[in-house]
Protein backbone atom coordinates (compact mmCIF):
# COMPACT_ATOMS: atom_id res chain seq x y z
CA MET A 1 24.52 89.80 46.54
CA SER A 2 25.53 90.05 42.85
CA LYS A 3 25.48 87.39 40.73
CA ILE A 4 29.20 86.40 39.23
CA ALA A 5 29.60 85.80 35.12
CA LEU A 6 32.63 84.29 33.60
CA VAL A 7 32.55 85.61 30.03
CA THR A 8 35.11 84.17 27.54
CA GLY A 9 36.71 86.41 25.10
CA ALA A 10 35.35 89.58 26.98
CA ASN A 11 38.30 91.91 26.08
CA ARG A 12 36.64 92.93 22.48
CA GLY A 13 33.53 92.64 20.43
CA LEU A 14 30.39 90.70 21.50
CA GLY A 15 32.30 89.47 24.72
CA ARG A 16 33.20 92.88 25.81
CA ASN A 17 29.57 94.28 25.15
CA THR A 18 28.12 91.05 26.96
CA ALA A 19 30.52 91.71 29.94
CA LEU A 20 29.45 95.45 30.20
CA SER A 21 25.83 94.55 29.66
CA ILE A 22 25.67 92.21 32.49
CA ALA A 23 27.36 94.72 34.70
CA ARG A 24 24.94 97.57 33.85
CA ARG A 25 22.14 94.92 35.09
CA GLY A 26 24.02 94.47 38.30
CA GLY A 27 26.08 91.69 37.76
CA ASP A 28 30.12 90.99 38.47
CA VAL A 29 32.25 89.69 35.73
CA VAL A 30 35.31 87.41 35.43
CA VAL A 31 36.68 89.10 31.95
CA ALA A 32 38.18 85.88 30.27
CA TYR A 33 40.71 87.10 27.46
CA ARG A 34 43.52 85.08 25.50
CA GLY A 35 46.26 87.33 24.87
CA ASN A 36 45.36 91.13 25.15
CA ALA A 37 45.79 92.02 28.58
CA GLU A 38 45.70 95.63 28.20
CA GLN A 39 42.13 95.42 26.75
CA ALA A 40 41.05 92.95 29.47
CA GLY A 41 42.08 95.72 32.01
CA GLU A 42 40.15 98.42 30.26
CA VAL A 43 37.04 96.18 30.36
CA VAL A 44 37.66 95.60 34.15
CA ALA A 45 37.95 99.33 34.76
CA GLU A 46 34.61 99.89 33.04
CA ILE A 47 32.88 97.39 34.95
CA ASN A 48 34.34 98.88 38.24
CA ALA A 49 33.20 102.14 37.25
CA LEU A 50 29.75 100.79 36.85
CA GLY A 51 30.13 100.03 40.56
CA GLN A 52 30.63 96.28 40.13
CA LYS A 53 33.40 93.92 40.74
CA ALA A 54 35.66 92.19 38.04
CA VAL A 55 38.76 90.45 37.37
CA ALA A 56 40.57 89.45 34.20
CA LEU A 57 41.42 85.79 33.91
CA GLN A 58 43.79 84.62 31.02
CA LEU A 59 42.32 81.71 28.90
CA ASP A 60 43.10 80.26 25.49
CA MET A 61 40.26 78.18 24.39
CA ALA A 62 42.55 76.21 21.98
CA LYS A 63 44.88 74.73 24.91
CA PRO A 64 42.32 72.34 26.99
CA GLU A 65 45.61 71.03 28.83
CA GLU A 66 45.54 74.56 30.65
CA PHE A 67 41.90 74.56 31.79
CA PRO A 68 42.66 73.01 35.15
CA ARG A 69 45.37 75.93 35.76
CA VAL A 70 42.59 78.30 34.77
CA ALA A 71 40.18 76.68 37.07
CA GLU A 72 42.66 76.94 40.12
CA THR A 73 43.50 80.70 39.15
CA LEU A 74 39.31 81.05 38.98
CA ARG A 75 38.87 79.35 42.34
CA ALA A 76 41.39 81.63 44.03
CA SER A 77 39.89 84.74 42.38
CA LEU A 78 36.37 83.62 43.69
CA ARG A 79 37.58 83.23 47.26
CA ASP A 80 39.62 86.44 47.43
CA ILE A 81 37.34 88.82 45.79
CA TRP A 82 33.95 87.24 46.42
CA GLY A 83 34.51 85.05 49.36
CA ARG A 84 32.73 82.46 47.32
CA ASP A 85 33.75 79.01 45.87
CA SER A 86 31.30 79.28 42.80
CA PHE A 87 30.11 81.39 40.26
CA ASP A 88 26.58 81.64 38.54
CA HIS A 89 27.06 82.28 34.75
CA LEU A 90 29.31 80.81 32.12
CA VAL A 91 29.17 82.66 28.59
CA ASN A 92 31.06 80.82 26.13
CA ASN A 93 31.67 83.52 23.73
CA ALA A 94 35.41 83.31 22.74
CA GLY A 95 36.36 82.22 19.01
CA HIS A 96 37.12 83.19 15.69
CA GLY A 97 35.87 82.99 11.88
CA GLU A 98 37.14 81.92 8.64
CA PHE A 99 36.15 83.33 5.49
CA THR A 100 37.26 80.96 3.17
CA PRO A 101 35.28 78.97 0.26
CA PHE A 102 34.75 75.30 0.78
CA ALA A 103 37.15 74.15 -1.78
CA GLN A 104 39.96 76.08 -0.22
CA THR A 105 39.27 75.33 3.24
CA THR A 106 42.75 73.79 4.75
CA PRO A 107 42.69 71.02 7.50
CA ALA A 108 44.42 73.79 9.57
CA GLN A 109 41.68 76.17 9.38
CA PHE A 110 38.89 73.48 10.21
CA ASP A 111 41.04 72.29 13.17
CA GLY A 112 41.53 75.59 14.56
CA LEU A 113 37.68 76.48 14.32
CA PHE A 114 36.84 73.06 15.93
CA ASP A 115 39.46 73.26 18.56
CA VAL A 116 38.38 76.62 19.87
CA HIS A 117 34.43 76.45 19.10
CA VAL A 118 33.85 72.90 20.09
CA LYS A 119 36.55 71.10 22.05
CA GLY A 120 37.31 74.29 23.71
CA VAL A 121 33.90 74.55 24.89
CA TYR A 122 33.01 70.99 25.55
CA PHE A 123 36.20 70.98 27.98
CA LEU A 124 36.13 74.21 29.32
CA THR A 125 32.52 73.87 30.59
CA GLN A 126 33.31 70.39 31.72
CA THR A 127 36.45 71.58 33.90
CA LEU A 128 34.59 74.68 35.49
CA LEU A 129 31.28 72.73 36.00
CA PRO A 130 32.01 71.82 39.69
CA LEU A 131 32.58 75.90 40.27
CA ILE A 132 29.32 76.49 38.61
CA ALA A 133 26.51 77.06 41.27
CA ASP A 134 23.03 75.00 41.15
CA GLY A 135 20.51 76.91 39.45
CA GLY A 136 23.23 78.83 37.17
CA ARG A 137 23.19 79.69 33.41
CA ILE A 138 25.39 78.68 30.72
CA VAL A 139 25.00 80.44 27.41
CA ASN A 140 27.04 78.99 24.11
CA PHE A 141 27.65 81.34 21.37
CA SER A 142 26.19 80.15 18.10
CA THR A 143 25.51 81.72 14.73
CA GLY A 144 22.67 82.59 12.23
CA LEU A 145 24.68 80.61 9.59
CA THR A 146 23.43 77.44 11.09
CA ARG A 147 19.81 78.13 9.80
CA PHE A 148 21.00 79.91 6.68
CA SER A 149 24.09 79.73 4.57
CA ALA A 150 26.48 81.99 3.00
CA ALA A 151 29.48 81.01 0.94
CA GLY A 152 32.77 81.12 2.74
CA PHE A 153 31.39 80.04 6.31
CA SER A 154 31.13 76.18 5.93
CA ALA A 155 33.79 75.18 8.38
CA TYR A 156 32.66 77.90 10.88
CA ALA A 157 28.96 77.22 10.68
CA ALA A 158 29.58 73.18 10.86
CA ALA A 159 31.48 74.08 14.14
CA LYS A 160 28.54 76.07 15.54
CA GLY A 161 26.38 73.50 14.51
CA ALA A 162 27.89 71.20 16.91
CA VAL A 163 27.91 73.85 19.66
CA GLU A 164 23.96 73.66 19.26
CA VAL A 165 23.75 69.89 19.73
CA LEU A 166 25.94 70.21 22.86
CA THR A 167 23.66 72.80 24.05
CA ARG A 168 20.86 70.56 23.96
CA TYR A 169 22.82 67.85 25.72
CA LEU A 170 24.13 70.03 28.35
CA ALA A 171 20.53 71.24 29.06
CA GLN A 172 19.41 67.74 29.62
CA GLU A 173 22.44 66.50 31.80
CA LEU A 174 22.64 69.64 33.90
CA GLY A 175 18.70 70.06 34.28
CA PRO A 176 19.00 68.12 37.62
CA ARG A 177 21.18 70.87 39.32
CA GLY A 178 18.65 73.44 38.01
CA ILE A 179 21.16 74.93 35.37
CA THR A 180 19.82 76.15 32.32
CA VAL A 181 21.68 75.87 28.96
CA ASN A 182 21.10 77.79 26.08
CA ALA A 183 22.46 78.88 22.54
CA VAL A 184 22.38 82.46 21.38
CA ALA A 185 22.63 82.91 17.67
CA PRO A 186 23.68 86.37 16.42
CA GLY A 187 23.35 87.27 12.58
CA ALA A 188 25.79 89.42 10.72
CA ILE A 189 27.03 91.82 13.20
CA GLU A 190 29.74 94.72 12.94
CA THR A 191 32.67 93.48 14.75
CA ASP A 192 36.36 92.63 14.25
CA PHE A 193 34.91 88.99 13.76
CA GLY A 194 36.50 87.33 10.59
CA GLY A 195 38.73 90.00 9.87
CA GLY A 196 36.04 92.50 10.28
CA VAL A 197 34.40 91.14 6.97
CA VAL A 198 30.83 92.76 7.90
CA ARG A 199 31.98 95.61 9.62
CA ASP A 200 34.72 96.71 6.93
CA ASN A 201 33.41 95.49 3.50
CA PRO A 202 30.73 97.46 2.02
CA ASP A 203 29.63 94.84 -0.33
CA VAL A 204 29.22 92.19 2.38
CA ASN A 205 27.75 94.53 4.67
CA ALA A 206 24.93 95.64 2.07
CA GLN A 207 24.33 91.96 1.12
CA PHE A 208 23.38 91.15 4.73
CA ALA A 209 21.52 94.23 5.24
CA GLY A 210 19.38 93.41 2.32
CA LEU A 211 18.65 89.92 3.71
CA THR A 212 17.44 91.23 7.00
CA ALA A 213 13.83 92.26 7.88
CA LEU A 214 15.17 95.13 9.90
CA GLY A 215 16.97 96.51 7.17
CA ARG A 216 20.68 96.65 8.60
CA VAL A 217 23.25 94.26 10.17
CA GLY A 218 23.32 94.09 13.73
CA LEU A 219 25.71 95.70 16.24
CA PRO A 220 27.40 94.74 19.38
CA ASP A 221 24.34 96.74 21.23
CA ASP A 222 21.87 94.38 19.73
CA ILE A 223 23.51 91.23 21.36
CA GLY A 224 25.16 91.91 24.78
CA PRO A 225 22.08 93.19 26.32
CA MET A 226 19.98 90.02 24.97
CA VAL A 227 22.47 87.75 26.46
CA ALA A 228 22.48 89.40 29.95
CA SER A 229 18.59 89.19 30.23
CA LEU A 230 18.64 85.74 29.26
CA LEU A 231 20.88 85.16 32.42
CA SER A 232 18.23 86.88 34.56
CA ASP A 233 15.85 84.78 36.75
CA ASP A 234 13.33 86.17 34.72
CA ASN A 235 14.24 83.40 32.22
CA ARG A 236 14.51 80.50 34.60
CA TRP A 237 12.36 78.31 32.28
CA VAL A 238 14.22 78.56 29.27
CA THR A 239 16.59 75.85 28.50
CA GLY A 240 17.69 73.76 25.63
CA GLN A 241 16.75 76.32 23.15
CA ARG A 242 18.43 77.92 20.19
CA ILE A 243 17.69 81.57 20.30
CA GLU A 244 18.39 83.70 17.31
CA VAL A 245 19.32 87.55 17.48
CA SER A 246 19.71 88.56 13.96
CA GLY A 247 16.85 91.08 13.01
CA GLY A 248 15.26 88.80 11.11
CA GLN A 249 18.03 87.87 8.93
CA ALA A 250 17.05 85.56 5.76
CA ILE A 251 13.32 85.03 7.14
């Protein structure tokens, strides 16, 4: 029987790559998305074409008051599509970035980041916990920017630092159920994250490439397969860890 993973922000970027990587390894996927149902449907179709089951699930990480509704929708999909009352893996990927110097960062930008990356992750995981099977996996996306610094990302990095602390606490508290919890910290990646600043700004791209041991910035294909492998039974003894996937950035 295939394992079922719920990936937030799975309609684009690293979430999409992670969802497809899970499917390529024989997993089924709940493709959670905020607003672009067409993109989510395309990912579902690609997963189906790989021979795996998938369903799209609308989810706004900034609206925890909607999480109980999301859980009930998920419960119905698990029953109707898989004949199950639980899923196996939760990948908290969804989020956005703000590329703004510290002195110009506004309370609205700060709150927007913490609402999605910290409060959203905290309470979504709490709400879905009864549906996660014993022996399951939780992966929280962090960032290389919690270890090294780059001007303009202070609020984003602070939010991800909170996610890393939360990851260790969840690993401790969920350990009795056999659920592992880890944080994956990508380095600079060519996606539309932060308005595509790494992908589309040649100066920023070159700056991060110059700081990276492997001589380039990352691609989605450098991240998704790693996350998919972390969900496997081979990594059952890995928990409470921050795992950086950056090509040796700023080492």
